[in-house]
Amino acid sequence: MSNRSKKNLFVVLMAGALVFGLSTVALAQTPSGTSIDNTATLDYFVGGTQQAQVTSNTASFVVDNKVDLTVTTVDAAIVSVVP
């Protein structure tokens, strides 16, 4: 195996590890009833001159409960439905 193919394999393995490692953080579940407030702040320059900082309104929401349903039929025959 050449050094180039070893390097490519290493890069692919590291990228995969990074993707799988970050996905577990993204799956962290926030408890229901938690209040979340979000505000954005913008700093920018026009012609090299810094402009006044702009702050958005605060967006707030409360984390809701996740409903996980399992639906089963009790009919022996096929049930036809029309959307």
N, C-alpha and C. Protein backbone atom coordinates (compact mmCIF):
# COMPACT_ATOMS: atom_id res chain seq x y z
N MET A 1 0.86 -1.17 0.00
CA MET A 1 0.00 0.00 0.00
C MET A 1 0.91 1.23 0.00
N SER A 2 0.65 2.15 -0.92
CA SER A 2 1.51 3.34 -1.04
C SER A 2 1.19 4.34 0.06
N ASN A 3 2.10 5.28 0.24
CA ASN A 3 1.89 6.32 1.25
C ASN A 3 0.67 7.18 0.92
N ARG A 4 0.45 7.42 -0.38
CA ARG A 4 -0.69 8.25 -0.78
C ARG A 4 -2.01 7.56 -0.43
N SER A 5 -2.12 6.27 -0.71
CA SER A 5 -3.37 5.56 -0.39
C SER A 5 -3.55 5.43 1.12
N LYS A 6 -2.46 5.31 1.87
CA LYS A 6 -2.57 5.28 3.33
C LYS A 6 -3.07 6.62 3.86
N LYS A 7 -2.55 7.70 3.25
CA LYS A 7 -2.98 9.03 3.67
C LYS A 7 -4.46 9.24 3.34
N ASN A 8 -4.89 8.82 2.15
CA ASN A 8 -6.30 8.95 1.77
C ASN A 8 -7.19 8.13 2.70
N LEU A 9 -6.77 6.93 3.03
CA LEU A 9 -7.54 6.09 3.94
C LEU A 9 -7.64 6.74 5.31
N PHE A 10 -6.53 7.31 5.79
CA PHE A 10 -6.53 7.99 7.08
C PHE A 10 -7.49 9.17 7.07
N VAL A 11 -7.48 9.96 6.00
CA VAL A 11 -8.37 11.13 5.89
C VAL A 11 -9.83 10.68 5.91
N VAL A 12 -10.14 9.64 5.17
CA VAL A 12 -11.52 9.13 5.14
C VAL A 12 -11.95 8.62 6.51
N LEU A 13 -11.09 7.88 7.18
CA LEU A 13 -11.42 7.36 8.50
C LEU A 13 -11.61 8.48 9.52
N MET A 14 -10.76 9.49 9.47
CA MET A 14 -10.88 10.62 10.39
C MET A 14 -12.16 11.41 10.12
N ALA A 15 -12.50 11.60 8.84
CA ALA A 15 -13.74 12.31 8.50
C ALA A 15 -14.95 11.53 9.02
N GLY A 16 -14.93 10.21 8.85
CA GLY A 16 -16.02 9.38 9.36
C GLY A 16 -16.13 9.45 10.87
N ALA A 17 -14.99 9.41 11.55
CA ALA A 17 -15.01 9.51 13.01
C ALA A 17 -15.55 10.86 13.46
N LEU A 18 -15.19 11.91 12.74
CA LEU A 18 -15.67 13.25 13.08
C LEU A 18 -17.18 13.34 12.90
N VAL A 19 -17.68 12.81 11.79
CA VAL A 19 -19.13 12.85 11.54
C VAL A 19 -19.88 12.07 12.60
N PHE A 20 -19.45 10.86 12.91
CA PHE A 20 -20.15 10.06 13.91
C PHE A 20 -19.98 10.63 15.31
N GLY A 21 -18.86 11.23 15.60
CA GLY A 21 -18.64 11.84 16.91
C GLY A 21 -19.52 13.05 17.13
N LEU A 22 -19.69 13.87 16.09
CA LEU A 22 -20.53 15.06 16.22
C LEU A 22 -22.01 14.72 16.23
N SER A 23 -22.39 13.62 15.58
CA SER A 23 -23.80 13.29 15.52
C SER A 23 -24.36 12.94 16.90
N THR A 24 -23.56 12.40 17.79
CA THR A 24 -24.06 12.09 19.13
C THR A 24 -24.34 13.35 19.92
N VAL A 25 -23.57 14.41 19.68
CA VAL A 25 -23.82 15.68 20.35
C VAL A 25 -25.12 16.28 19.83
N ALA A 26 -25.36 16.16 18.53
CA ALA A 26 -26.56 16.72 17.94
C ALA A 26 -27.82 16.00 18.43
N LEU A 27 -27.67 14.78 18.90
CA LEU A 27 -28.82 14.01 19.35
C LEU A 27 -29.13 14.19 20.83
N ALA A 28 -28.41 15.07 21.50
CA ALA A 28 -28.68 15.32 22.91
C ALA A 28 -30.10 15.86 23.03
N GLN A 29 -30.90 15.27 23.88
CA GLN A 29 -32.30 15.65 24.00
C GLN A 29 -32.48 16.65 25.12
N THR A 30 -33.05 17.80 24.77
CA THR A 30 -33.37 18.82 25.77
C THR A 30 -34.65 18.41 26.47
N PRO A 31 -34.70 18.44 27.79
CA PRO A 31 -35.90 18.04 28.51
C PRO A 31 -37.11 18.91 28.15
N SER A 32 -38.29 18.30 28.08
CA SER A 32 -39.49 19.07 27.78
C SER A 32 -39.75 20.06 28.91
N GLY A 33 -40.34 21.19 28.54
CA GLY A 33 -40.62 22.24 29.50
C GLY A 33 -39.48 23.24 29.64
N THR A 34 -38.35 22.98 28.95
CA THR A 34 -37.22 23.90 29.01
C THR A 34 -37.50 25.12 28.14
N SER A 35 -37.29 26.31 28.68
CA SER A 35 -37.48 27.55 27.93
C SER A 35 -36.17 27.90 27.22
N ILE A 36 -36.26 28.21 25.93
CA ILE A 36 -35.09 28.56 25.14
C ILE A 36 -35.29 29.96 24.57
N ASP A 37 -34.31 30.83 24.79
CA ASP A 37 -34.32 32.19 24.26
C ASP A 37 -33.15 32.31 23.28
N ASN A 38 -33.40 32.95 22.13
CA ASN A 38 -32.37 33.08 21.11
C ASN A 38 -32.34 34.51 20.60
N THR A 39 -31.15 35.11 20.59
CA THR A 39 -30.96 36.46 20.08
C THR A 39 -29.75 36.46 19.16
N ALA A 40 -29.88 37.11 18.00
CA ALA A 40 -28.76 37.22 17.07
C ALA A 40 -28.17 38.62 17.14
N THR A 41 -26.85 38.71 17.01
CA THR A 41 -26.16 40.00 17.01
C THR A 41 -25.32 40.09 15.74
N LEU A 42 -25.39 41.24 15.06
CA LEU A 42 -24.68 41.44 13.80
C LEU A 42 -23.68 42.58 13.94
N ASP A 43 -22.42 42.28 13.62
CA ASP A 43 -21.37 43.29 13.54
C ASP A 43 -20.92 43.34 12.09
N TYR A 44 -20.79 44.54 11.50
CA TYR A 44 -20.37 44.62 10.11
C TYR A 44 -19.67 45.94 9.83
N PHE A 45 -18.97 45.96 8.69
CA PHE A 45 -18.22 47.13 8.25
C PHE A 45 -18.74 47.57 6.89
N VAL A 46 -18.76 48.87 6.64
CA VAL A 46 -19.08 49.43 5.33
C VAL A 46 -17.93 50.34 4.94
N GLY A 47 -17.24 50.00 3.85
CA GLY A 47 -16.11 50.80 3.41
C GLY A 47 -15.02 50.90 4.45
N GLY A 48 -14.84 49.85 5.24
CA GLY A 48 -13.81 49.84 6.26
C GLY A 48 -14.20 50.50 7.57
N THR A 49 -15.42 51.06 7.63
CA THR A 49 -15.89 51.72 8.84
C THR A 49 -16.87 50.81 9.57
N GLN A 50 -16.59 50.56 10.83
CA GLN A 50 -17.48 49.70 11.61
C GLN A 50 -18.82 50.39 11.83
N GLN A 51 -19.89 49.66 11.62
CA GLN A 51 -21.24 50.18 11.79
C GLN A 51 -21.77 49.79 13.16
N ALA A 52 -22.86 50.45 13.53
CA ALA A 52 -23.48 50.16 14.83
C ALA A 52 -23.94 48.71 14.88
N GLN A 53 -23.73 48.08 16.01
CA GLN A 53 -24.14 46.69 16.19
C GLN A 53 -25.66 46.59 16.14
N VAL A 54 -26.14 45.57 15.44
CA VAL A 54 -27.58 45.33 15.31
C VAL A 54 -27.92 44.06 16.08
N THR A 55 -28.93 44.15 16.95
CA THR A 55 -29.38 43.00 17.73
C THR A 55 -30.83 42.70 17.39
N SER A 56 -31.12 41.44 17.14
CA SER A 56 -32.49 41.04 16.79
C SER A 56 -33.38 41.01 18.02
N ASN A 57 -34.66 40.90 17.78
CA ASN A 57 -35.60 40.65 18.87
C ASN A 57 -35.33 39.25 19.41
N THR A 58 -35.66 39.03 20.64
CA THR A 58 -35.46 37.71 21.24
C THR A 58 -36.60 36.78 20.82
N ALA A 59 -36.22 35.64 20.28
CA ALA A 59 -37.19 34.60 19.94
C ALA A 59 -37.18 33.58 21.07
N SER A 60 -38.34 33.27 21.61
CA SER A 60 -38.43 32.34 22.74
C SER A 60 -39.41 31.22 22.42
N PHE A 61 -39.10 30.04 22.92
CA PHE A 61 -40.04 28.93 22.84
C PHE A 61 -39.77 27.96 23.97
N VAL A 62 -40.73 27.11 24.23
CA VAL A 62 -40.61 26.09 25.27
C VAL A 62 -40.60 24.73 24.58
N VAL A 63 -39.65 23.89 24.95
CA VAL A 63 -39.54 22.55 24.38
C VAL A 63 -40.77 21.75 24.78
N ASP A 64 -41.40 21.14 23.78
CA ASP A 64 -42.64 20.39 24.01
C ASP A 64 -42.33 18.91 24.22
N ASN A 65 -43.35 18.14 24.57
CA ASN A 65 -43.21 16.70 24.74
C ASN A 65 -43.20 16.01 23.39
N LYS A 66 -42.39 14.98 23.26
CA LYS A 66 -42.38 14.17 22.06
C LYS A 66 -43.43 13.07 22.23
N VAL A 67 -44.31 12.96 21.24
CA VAL A 67 -45.34 11.93 21.28
C VAL A 67 -44.91 10.83 20.31
N ASP A 68 -44.75 9.63 20.81
CA ASP A 68 -44.33 8.49 20.01
C ASP A 68 -45.47 7.48 20.00
N LEU A 69 -46.20 7.44 18.89
CA LEU A 69 -47.39 6.59 18.81
C LEU A 69 -47.10 5.31 18.04
N THR A 70 -47.76 4.25 18.43
CA THR A 70 -47.78 3.01 17.67
C THR A 70 -49.23 2.72 17.35
N VAL A 71 -49.54 2.65 16.05
CA VAL A 71 -50.92 2.43 15.62
C VAL A 71 -51.02 1.02 15.05
N THR A 72 -51.98 0.26 15.55
CA THR A 72 -52.21 -1.09 15.04
C THR A 72 -53.68 -1.25 14.71
N THR A 73 -53.96 -2.22 13.88
CA THR A 73 -55.35 -2.49 13.51
C THR A 73 -55.85 -3.71 14.28
N VAL A 74 -57.15 -3.74 14.52
CA VAL A 74 -57.76 -4.90 15.17
C VAL A 74 -58.68 -5.62 14.20
N ASP A 75 -58.75 -5.10 12.96
CA ASP A 75 -59.60 -5.73 11.95
C ASP A 75 -58.88 -6.94 11.34
N ALA A 76 -59.65 -7.98 11.06
CA ALA A 76 -59.07 -9.17 10.43
C ALA A 76 -58.87 -8.95 8.94
N ALA A 77 -59.72 -8.11 8.33
CA ALA A 77 -59.65 -7.86 6.89
C ALA A 77 -58.82 -6.60 6.61
N ILE A 78 -58.47 -6.43 5.33
CA ILE A 78 -57.74 -5.23 4.91
C ILE A 78 -58.67 -4.03 5.02
N VAL A 79 -58.16 -2.93 5.54
CA VAL A 79 -58.94 -1.71 5.69
C VAL A 79 -58.54 -0.75 4.58
N SER A 80 -59.48 -0.33 3.75
CA SER A 80 -59.21 0.61 2.67
C SER A 80 -59.42 2.02 3.17
N VAL A 81 -58.55 2.92 2.76
CA VAL A 81 -58.68 4.32 3.14
C VAL A 81 -58.57 5.20 1.91
N VAL A 82 -59.18 6.37 1.97
CA VAL A 82 -59.11 7.33 0.88
C VAL A 82 -58.59 8.64 1.47
N PRO A 83 -57.52 9.18 0.89
CA PRO A 83 -56.98 10.43 1.44
C PRO A 83 -57.90 11.61 1.22
